[in-house]
Amino acid sequence: MVMKQLNEMKLTGMAEALSAQAEQPGTYETLGFSERLSLLVSHEYMVREQRKQKRLLQKARLRLEASVHDIDWQPPRNLERSRIAQLSQNEWVTRGQNLLITGPCGCGKTYIGCALGNNACQQGYSVQYWRLSRLLGELTHGRADGSYRRQLKQLSGTQLLILDDWGLESLSAAHRNDLLEVMDDRYGKSATVMISQLPTEEWYGCVGDSTLADAILDRLMHNAHRLEMKGESMRKRRSQVDTK
């Protein structure tokens, strides 16, 4: 009866823990009521946290299955363990600050961005990953089908937004305005990771309009953290290793 009630109330973690206690009475018979109850509650909490993390990772749609614990430190890429450890604390996400990741093609920028996104999900933050061109395309469709404001609201409410491949394609006038809307909604409230092959001093020219460039980059770069990666392509390096 109790098991049925727990499951009906969606307390499946407690039901699992209670079943385990019933199957191993000798293990728990010396424990008092409050201790056994504490074990049930702790298991329920753990199960719910695991479900939440899984749900956040599914919604994040990260491009790569990356982890801050699996970063390859062997090739010199201007990455410091202490820097990644600091970013992994997610204080910058809580404060709504930004992170700019730059470096040559293939040096692992997207992996680092996704690793930090994965880490944020594990700590309970909502995350979205987008290639910038694809996001702007979705916003264009949103203007046409009436979902534009809803899309902006969802982006604004996401605690960590990862935008990849900034600067690969020129921005149209509509895309410039859309990007400004996104950055303005998030400024000072939500964190954004911008990933680009181009050094930040070249970003101004990517926008294509001086007034909007000032507005967008001021919101993006003000008090932003920076990772300026270097080194050869990791893909090229791995292919060379595989052929040996």
C-alpha atoms as a PDB file:
ATOM      1  CA  MET A   1       0.000   0.000   0.000  1.00  0.00           C
ATOM      2  CA  VAL A   2       2.760   2.426   0.970  1.00  0.00           C
ATOM      3  CA  MET A   3       4.779   1.610  -2.165  1.00  0.00           C
ATOM      4  CA  LYS A   4       1.741   2.278  -4.344  1.00  0.00           C
ATOM      5  CA  GLN A   5       1.104   5.609  -2.657  1.00  0.00           C
ATOM      6  CA  LEU A   6       4.729   6.674  -3.015  1.00  0.00           C
ATOM      7  CA  ASN A   7       4.683   5.851  -6.733  1.00  0.00           C
ATOM      8  CA  GLU A   8       1.355   7.618  -7.247  1.00  0.00           C
ATOM      9  CA  MET A   9       2.853  10.721  -5.619  1.00  0.00           C
ATOM     10  CA  LYS A  10       5.864  10.314  -7.950  1.00  0.00           C
ATOM     11  CA  LEU A  11       8.176   9.702  -5.010  1.00  0.00           C
ATOM     12  CA  THR A  12       9.833   6.883  -6.918  1.00  0.00           C
ATOM     13  CA  GLY A  13      13.227   7.489  -5.318  1.00  0.00           C
ATOM     14  CA  MET A  14      11.784   6.949  -1.867  1.00  0.00           C
ATOM     15  CA  ALA A  15       9.930   3.870  -3.129  1.00  0.00           C
ATOM     16  CA  GLU A  16      13.180   2.405  -4.475  1.00  0.00           C
ATOM     17  CA  ALA A  17      15.002   3.094  -1.213  1.00  0.00           C
ATOM     18  CA  LEU A  18      12.155   1.655   0.878  1.00  0.00           C
ATOM     19  CA  SER A  19      12.144  -1.493  -1.267  1.00  0.00           C
ATOM     20  CA  ALA A  20      15.909  -1.845  -0.739  1.00  0.00           C
ATOM     21  CA  GLN A  21      15.420  -1.525   3.029  1.00  0.00           C
ATOM     22  CA  ALA A  22      12.713  -4.173   2.976  1.00  0.00           C
ATOM     23  CA  GLU A  23      14.926  -6.573   1.002  1.00  0.00           C
ATOM     24  CA  GLN A  24      17.834  -6.148   3.429  1.00  0.00           C
ATOM     25  CA  PRO A  25      16.221  -5.850   6.880  1.00  0.00           C
ATOM     26  CA  GLY A  26      19.385  -6.857   8.700  1.00  0.00           C
ATOM     27  CA  THR A  27      21.274  -3.898   7.264  1.00  0.00           C
ATOM     28  CA  TYR A  28      18.806  -1.303   8.511  1.00  0.00           C
ATOM     29  CA  GLU A  29      17.226  -2.821  11.638  1.00  0.00           C
ATOM     30  CA  THR A  30      19.730  -1.119  13.938  1.00  0.00           C
ATOM     31  CA  LEU A  31      18.886   2.323  12.568  1.00  0.00           C
ATOM     32  CA  GLY A  32      16.318   4.566  14.200  1.00  0.00           C
ATOM     33  CA  PHE A  33      13.231   5.942  12.483  1.00  0.00           C
ATOM     34  CA  SER A  34      14.768   9.355  11.706  1.00  0.00           C
ATOM     35  CA  GLU A  35      17.903   7.747  10.241  1.00  0.00           C
ATOM     36  CA  ARG A  36      15.918   5.459   7.940  1.00  0.00           C
ATOM     37  CA  LEU A  37      13.661   8.320   6.903  1.00  0.00           C
ATOM     38  CA  SER A  38      16.735  10.426   6.180  1.00  0.00           C
ATOM     39  CA  LEU A  39      18.037   7.702   3.857  1.00  0.00           C
ATOM     40  CA  LEU A  40      14.706   7.632   1.995  1.00  0.00           C
ATOM     41  CA  VAL A  41      14.637  11.407   1.572  1.00  0.00           C
ATOM     42  CA  SER A  42      18.285  11.526   0.481  1.00  0.00           C
ATOM     43  CA  HIS A  43      17.687   8.899  -2.196  1.00  0.00           C
ATOM     44  CA  GLU A  44      14.606  10.749  -3.457  1.00  0.00           C
ATOM     45  CA  TYR A  45      16.629  13.968  -3.659  1.00  0.00           C
ATOM     46  CA  MET A  46      19.453  12.231  -5.548  1.00  0.00           C
ATOM     47  CA  VAL A  47      17.049  10.681  -8.062  1.00  0.00           C
ATOM     48  CA  ARG A  48      15.364  14.030  -8.697  1.00  0.00           C
ATOM     49  CA  GLU A  49      18.716  15.769  -9.193  1.00  0.00           C
ATOM     50  CA  GLN A  50      19.769  13.104 -11.692  1.00  0.00           C
ATOM     51  CA  ARG A  51      16.527  13.549 -13.620  1.00  0.00           C
ATOM     52  CA  LYS A  52      16.957  17.311 -13.599  1.00  0.00           C
ATOM     53  CA  GLN A  53      20.515  17.054 -14.927  1.00  0.00           C
ATOM     54  CA  LYS A  54      19.401  14.674 -17.679  1.00  0.00           C
ATOM     55  CA  ARG A  55      16.552  17.008 -18.641  1.00  0.00           C
ATOM     56  CA  LEU A  56      18.857  20.043 -18.712  1.00  0.00           C
ATOM     57  CA  LEU A  57      21.400  18.217 -20.884  1.00  0.00           C
ATOM     58  CA  GLN A  58      18.702  17.166 -23.329  1.00  0.00           C
ATOM     59  CA  LYS A  59      17.449  20.742 -23.634  1.00  0.00           C
ATOM     60  CA  ALA A  60      20.982  22.109 -23.972  1.00  0.00           C
ATOM     61  CA  ARG A  61      21.572  20.159 -27.211  1.00  0.00           C
ATOM     62  CA  LEU A  62      25.315  20.483 -26.831  1.00  0.00           C
ATOM     63  CA  ARG A  63      27.223  19.828 -30.029  1.00  0.00           C
ATOM     64  CA  LEU A  64      29.781  17.596 -28.310  1.00  0.00           C
ATOM     65  CA  GLU A  65      29.746  15.213 -25.355  1.00  0.00           C
ATOM     66  CA  ALA A  66      32.451  17.113 -23.529  1.00  0.00           C
ATOM     67  CA  SER A  67      33.576  17.258 -19.919  1.00  0.00           C
ATOM     68  CA  VAL A  68      35.915  19.560 -18.047  1.00  0.00           C
ATOM     69  CA  HIS A  69      37.389  16.387 -16.532  1.00  0.00           C
ATOM     70  CA  ASP A  70      38.373  15.030 -19.958  1.00  0.00           C
ATOM     71  CA  ILE A  71      40.151  18.069 -21.390  1.00  0.00           C
ATOM     72  CA  ASP A  72      43.362  17.150 -23.187  1.00  0.00           C
ATOM     73  CA  TRP A  73      46.072  19.239 -21.542  1.00  0.00           C
ATOM     74  CA  GLN A  74      48.962  17.693 -23.455  1.00  0.00           C
ATOM     75  CA  PRO A  75      49.208  20.006 -26.479  1.00  0.00           C
ATOM     76  CA  PRO A  76      50.015  23.619 -25.517  1.00  0.00           C
ATOM     77  CA  ARG A  77      46.861  25.630 -26.282  1.00  0.00           C
ATOM     78  CA  ASN A  78      47.161  28.522 -23.837  1.00  0.00           C
ATOM     79  CA  LEU A  79      44.760  26.747 -21.492  1.00  0.00           C
ATOM     80  CA  GLU A  80      45.380  26.742 -17.762  1.00  0.00           C
ATOM     81  CA  ARG A  81      43.915  24.157 -15.415  1.00  0.00           C
ATOM     82  CA  SER A  82      43.365  26.812 -12.764  1.00  0.00           C
ATOM     83  CA  ARG A  83      41.425  28.968 -15.234  1.00  0.00           C
ATOM     84  CA  ILE A  84      39.096  26.145 -16.254  1.00  0.00           C
ATOM     85  CA  ALA A  85      38.671  25.145 -12.609  1.00  0.00           C
ATOM     86  CA  GLN A  86      37.664  28.707 -11.787  1.00  0.00           C
ATOM     87  CA  LEU A  87      35.160  28.855 -14.645  1.00  0.00           C
ATOM     88  CA  SER A  88      33.788  25.466 -13.573  1.00  0.00           C
ATOM     89  CA  GLN A  89      32.611  27.046 -10.318  1.00  0.00           C
ATOM     90  CA  ASN A  90      30.002  28.887 -12.448  1.00  0.00           C
ATOM     91  CA  GLU A  91      30.134  32.061 -10.403  1.00  0.00           C
ATOM     92  CA  TRP A  92      30.294  33.980 -13.694  1.00  0.00           C
ATOM     93  CA  VAL A  93      27.103  32.241 -14.832  1.00  0.00           C
ATOM     94  CA  THR A  94      25.327  33.186 -11.627  1.00  0.00           C
ATOM     95  CA  ARG A  95      26.408  36.806 -12.112  1.00  0.00           C
ATOM     96  CA  GLY A  96      25.269  36.888 -15.738  1.00  0.00           C
ATOM     97  CA  GLN A  97      28.753  37.527 -17.107  1.00  0.00           C
ATOM     98  CA  ASN A  98      30.022  36.468 -20.530  1.00  0.00           C
ATOM     99  CA  LEU A  99      32.874  34.308 -21.797  1.00  0.00           C
ATOM    100  CA  LEU A 100      34.649  34.892 -25.118  1.00  0.00           C
ATOM    101  CA  ILE A 101      36.517  31.882 -26.529  1.00  0.00           C
ATOM    102  CA  THR A 102      38.772  32.565 -29.521  1.00  0.00           C
ATOM    103  CA  GLY A 103      41.417  30.615 -31.375  1.00  0.00           C
ATOM    104  CA  PRO A 104      42.338  29.004 -34.701  1.00  0.00           C
ATOM    105  CA  CYS A 105      40.224  26.362 -36.415  1.00  0.00           C
ATOM    106  CA  GLY A 106      40.313  22.971 -34.733  1.00  0.00           C
ATOM    107  CA  CYS A 107      42.067  24.024 -31.532  1.00  0.00           C
ATOM    108  CA  GLY A 108      39.179  22.801 -29.359  1.00  0.00           C
ATOM    109  CA  LYS A 109      37.114  25.932 -28.756  1.00  0.00           C
ATOM    110  CA  THR A 110      33.781  24.175 -29.199  1.00  0.00           C
ATOM    111  CA  TYR A 111      34.874  21.333 -26.909  1.00  0.00           C
ATOM    112  CA  ILE A 112      35.749  23.786 -24.140  1.00  0.00           C
ATOM    113  CA  GLY A 113      32.447  25.623 -24.601  1.00  0.00           C
ATOM    114  CA  CYS A 114      30.450  22.387 -24.504  1.00  0.00           C
ATOM    115  CA  ALA A 115      32.451  21.102 -21.521  1.00  0.00           C
ATOM    116  CA  LEU A 116      31.556  24.240 -19.571  1.00  0.00           C
ATOM    117  CA  GLY A 117      27.952  23.901 -20.740  1.00  0.00           C
ATOM    118  CA  ASN A 118      27.842  20.287 -19.559  1.00  0.00           C
ATOM    119  CA  ASN A 119      29.345  21.320 -16.237  1.00  0.00           C
ATOM    120  CA  ALA A 120      26.703  24.044 -15.842  1.00  0.00           C
ATOM    121  CA  CYS A 121      23.917  21.518 -16.504  1.00  0.00           C
ATOM    122  CA  GLN A 122      25.386  19.205 -13.875  1.00  0.00           C
ATOM    123  CA  GLN A 123      25.165  22.072 -11.397  1.00  0.00           C
ATOM    124  CA  GLY A 124      21.533  22.818 -12.235  1.00  0.00           C
ATOM    125  CA  TYR A 125      21.818  25.722 -14.704  1.00  0.00           C
ATOM    126  CA  SER A 126      19.734  25.873 -17.873  1.00  0.00           C
ATOM    127  CA  VAL A 127      21.860  25.861 -21.035  1.00  0.00           C
ATOM    128  CA  GLN A 128      21.342  26.211 -24.781  1.00  0.00           C
ATOM    129  CA  TYR A 129      23.927  25.626 -27.512  1.00  0.00           C
ATOM    130  CA  TRP A 130      23.493  27.169 -30.956  1.00  0.00           C
ATOM    131  CA  ARG A 131      25.564  27.762 -34.033  1.00  0.00           C
ATOM    132  CA  LEU A 132      24.973  31.486 -34.412  1.00  0.00           C
ATOM    133  CA  SER A 133      23.847  31.273 -38.053  1.00  0.00           C
ATOM    134  CA  ARG A 134      21.286  28.598 -37.194  1.00  0.00           C
ATOM    135  CA  LEU A 135      19.898  30.594 -34.267  1.00  0.00           C
ATOM    136  CA  LEU A 136      19.517  33.701 -36.407  1.00  0.00           C
ATOM    137  CA  GLY A 137      17.793  31.597 -39.048  1.00  0.00           C
ATOM    138  CA  GLU A 138      15.347  30.297 -36.451  1.00  0.00           C
ATOM    139  CA  LEU A 139      14.617  33.841 -35.316  1.00  0.00           C
ATOM    140  CA  THR A 140      13.924  34.824 -38.928  1.00  0.00           C
ATOM    141  CA  HIS A 141      11.396  31.987 -39.163  1.00  0.00           C
ATOM    142  CA  GLY A 142       9.975  33.127 -35.845  1.00  0.00           C
ATOM    143  CA  ARG A 143       9.226  36.551 -37.258  1.00  0.00           C
ATOM    144  CA  ALA A 144       7.298  34.891 -40.066  1.00  0.00           C
ATOM    145  CA  ASP A 145       5.249  32.415 -38.021  1.00  0.00           C
ATOM    146  CA  GLY A 146       4.583  34.605 -34.994  1.00  0.00           C
ATOM    147  CA  SER A 147       6.843  32.768 -32.524  1.00  0.00           C
ATOM    148  CA  TYR A 148       9.542  35.465 -32.428  1.00  0.00           C
ATOM    149  CA  ARG A 149       8.663  36.930 -29.024  1.00  0.00           C
ATOM    150  CA  ARG A 150       8.339  33.478 -27.496  1.00  0.00           C
ATOM    151  CA  GLN A 151      11.774  32.564 -28.871  1.00  0.00           C
ATOM    152  CA  LEU A 152      13.321  35.704 -27.397  1.00  0.00           C
ATOM    153  CA  LYS A 153      11.712  34.975 -24.035  1.00  0.00           C
ATOM    154  CA  GLN A 154      13.118  31.435 -24.012  1.00  0.00           C
ATOM    155  CA  LEU A 155      16.592  32.695 -24.885  1.00  0.00           C
ATOM    156  CA  SER A 156      16.402  35.409 -22.254  1.00  0.00           C
ATOM    157  CA  GLY A 157      15.390  32.884 -19.590  1.00  0.00           C
ATOM    158  CA  THR A 158      18.252  30.507 -20.379  1.00  0.00           C
ATOM    159  CA  GLN A 159      20.990  30.963 -17.793  1.00  0.00           C
ATOM    160  CA  LEU A 160      23.850  30.041 -20.136  1.00  0.00           C
ATOM    161  CA  LEU A 161      23.645  30.571 -23.897  1.00  0.00           C
ATOM    162  CA  ILE A 162      26.501  29.190 -26.017  1.00  0.00           C
ATOM    163  CA  LEU A 163      26.841  30.767 -29.479  1.00  0.00           C
ATOM    164  CA  ASP A 164      29.343  29.074 -31.769  1.00  0.00           C
ATOM    165  CA  ASP A 165      31.003  30.121 -35.051  1.00  0.00           C
ATOM    166  CA  TRP A 166      30.685  33.870 -34.593  1.00  0.00           C
ATOM    167  CA  GLY A 167      32.136  35.722 -37.555  1.00  0.00           C
ATOM    168  CA  LEU A 168      32.012  32.905 -40.135  1.00  0.00           C
ATOM    169  CA  GLU A 169      29.153  34.535 -42.028  1.00  0.00           C
ATOM    170  CA  SER A 170      28.273  38.181 -42.549  1.00  0.00           C
ATOM    171  CA  LEU A 171      25.178  39.462 -40.777  1.00  0.00           C
ATOM    172  CA  SER A 172      22.186  40.816 -42.639  1.00  0.00           C
ATOM    173  CA  ALA A 173      20.410  43.908 -41.342  1.00  0.00           C
ATOM    174  CA  ALA A 174      17.662  41.729 -39.838  1.00  0.00           C
ATOM    175  CA  HIS A 175      20.194  39.435 -38.185  1.00  0.00           C
ATOM    176  CA  ARG A 176      22.024  42.383 -36.667  1.00  0.00           C
ATOM    177  CA  ASN A 177      18.799  43.580 -35.113  1.00  0.00           C
ATOM    178  CA  ASP A 178      17.949  40.080 -33.856  1.00  0.00           C
ATOM    179  CA  LEU A 179      21.368  39.649 -32.270  1.00  0.00           C
ATOM    180  CA  LEU A 180      21.013  42.999 -30.538  1.00  0.00           C
ATOM    181  CA  GLU A 181      17.627  41.930 -29.178  1.00  0.00           C
ATOM    182  CA  VAL A 182      19.143  38.733 -27.779  1.00  0.00           C
ATOM    183  CA  MET A 183      22.135  40.460 -26.214  1.00  0.00           C
ATOM    184  CA  ASP A 184      20.075  43.320 -24.810  1.00  0.00           C
ATOM    185  CA  ASP A 185      17.657  40.903 -23.126  1.00  0.00           C
ATOM    186  CA  ARG A 186      20.523  38.982 -21.562  1.00  0.00           C
ATOM    187  CA  TYR A 187      22.834  41.841 -20.611  1.00  0.00           C
ATOM    188  CA  GLY A 188      23.715  41.747 -16.924  1.00  0.00           C
ATOM    189  CA  LYS A 189      21.189  38.987 -16.209  1.00  0.00           C
ATOM    190  CA  SER A 190      22.238  35.853 -18.086  1.00  0.00           C
ATOM    191  CA  ALA A 191      25.609  34.491 -19.204  1.00  0.00           C
ATOM    192  CA  THR A 192      26.655  34.067 -22.837  1.00  0.00           C
ATOM    193  CA  VAL A 193      29.586  32.163 -24.325  1.00  0.00           C
ATOM    194  CA  MET A 194      30.682  33.426 -27.744  1.00  0.00           C
ATOM    195  CA  ILE A 195      33.029  31.170 -29.724  1.00  0.00           C
ATOM    196  CA  SER A 196      34.959  32.450 -32.740  1.00  0.00           C
ATOM    197  CA  GLN A 197      38.001  31.803 -34.905  1.00  0.00           C
ATOM    198  CA  LEU A 198      38.518  35.547 -35.115  1.00  0.00           C
ATOM    199  CA  PRO A 199      40.357  37.519 -32.435  1.00  0.00           C
ATOM    200  CA  THR A 200      38.070  39.911 -30.579  1.00  0.00           C
ATOM    201  CA  GLU A 201      39.654  42.988 -32.187  1.00  0.00           C
ATOM    202  CA  GLU A 202      38.200  41.832 -35.523  1.00  0.00           C
ATOM    203  CA  TRP A 203      34.659  41.321 -34.253  1.00  0.00           C
ATOM    204  CA  TYR A 204      33.618  44.900 -34.852  1.00  0.00           C
ATOM    205  CA  GLY A 205      33.911  44.460 -38.608  1.00  0.00           C
ATOM    206  CA  CYS A 206      31.793  41.289 -38.538  1.00  0.00           C
ATOM    207  CA  VAL A 207      28.649  43.195 -37.623  1.00  0.00           C
ATOM    208  CA  GLY A 208      28.611  45.421 -40.690  1.00  0.00           C
ATOM    209  CA  ASP A 209      26.976  48.443 -39.083  1.00  0.00           C
ATOM    210  CA  SER A 210      28.988  50.696 -36.798  1.00  0.00           C
ATOM    211  CA  THR A 211      26.083  51.784 -34.615  1.00  0.00           C
ATOM    212  CA  LEU A 212      24.776  48.272 -34.037  1.00  0.00           C
ATOM    213  CA  ALA A 213      28.322  46.948 -33.680  1.00  0.00           C
ATOM    214  CA  ASP A 214      28.890  49.341 -30.789  1.00  0.00           C
ATOM    215  CA  ALA A 215      25.625  48.324 -29.149  1.00  0.00           C
ATOM    216  CA  ILE A 216      26.081  44.547 -29.588  1.00  0.00           C
ATOM    217  CA  LEU A 217      29.752  44.341 -28.652  1.00  0.00           C
ATOM    218  CA  ASP A 218      29.412  46.661 -25.679  1.00  0.00           C
ATOM    219  CA  ARG A 219      26.822  44.285 -24.190  1.00  0.00           C
ATOM    220  CA  LEU A 220      28.873  41.234 -25.113  1.00  0.00           C
ATOM    221  CA  MET A 221      32.369  42.343 -24.110  1.00  0.00           C
ATOM    222  CA  HIS A 222      31.750  44.463 -21.017  1.00  0.00           C
ATOM    223  CA  ASN A 223      33.430  42.686 -18.081  1.00  0.00           C
ATOM    224  CA  ALA A 224      33.639  39.466 -20.152  1.00  0.00           C
ATOM    225  CA  HIS A 225      36.011  36.634 -19.303  1.00  0.00           C
ATOM    226  CA  ARG A 226      38.314  35.580 -22.145  1.00  0.00           C
ATOM    227  CA  LEU A 227      39.976  32.388 -23.284  1.00  0.00           C
ATOM    228  CA  GLU A 228      42.387  33.074 -26.137  1.00  0.00           C
ATOM    229  CA  MET A 229      43.341  29.604 -27.299  1.00  0.00           C
ATOM    230  CA  LYS A 230      46.303  28.827 -29.528  1.00  0.00           C
ATOM    231  CA  GLY A 231      47.986  25.824 -31.118  1.00  0.00           C
ATOM    232  CA  GLU A 232      47.505  23.477 -34.035  1.00  0.00           C
ATOM    233  CA  SER A 233      44.299  21.695 -34.978  1.00  0.00           C
ATOM    234  CA  MET A 234      43.369  18.941 -32.524  1.00  0.00           C
ATOM    235  CA  ARG A 235      41.635  17.062 -35.364  1.00  0.00           C
ATOM    236  CA  LYS A 236      44.809  17.166 -37.438  1.00  0.00           C
ATOM    237  CA  ARG A 237      46.883  16.076 -34.458  1.00  0.00           C
ATOM    238  CA  ARG A 238      44.621  13.103 -33.727  1.00  0.00           C
ATOM    239  CA  SER A 239      44.606  12.004 -37.379  1.00  0.00           C
ATOM    240  CA  GLN A 240      48.403  12.034 -37.382  1.00  0.00           C
ATOM    241  CA  VAL A 241      48.470   9.919 -34.228  1.00  0.00           C
ATOM    242  CA  ASP A 242      45.943   7.447 -35.693  1.00  0.00           C
ATOM    243  CA  THR A 243      48.041   6.921 -38.838  1.00  0.00           C
ATOM    244  CA  LYS A 244      51.205   6.097 -36.927  1.00  0.00           C
END
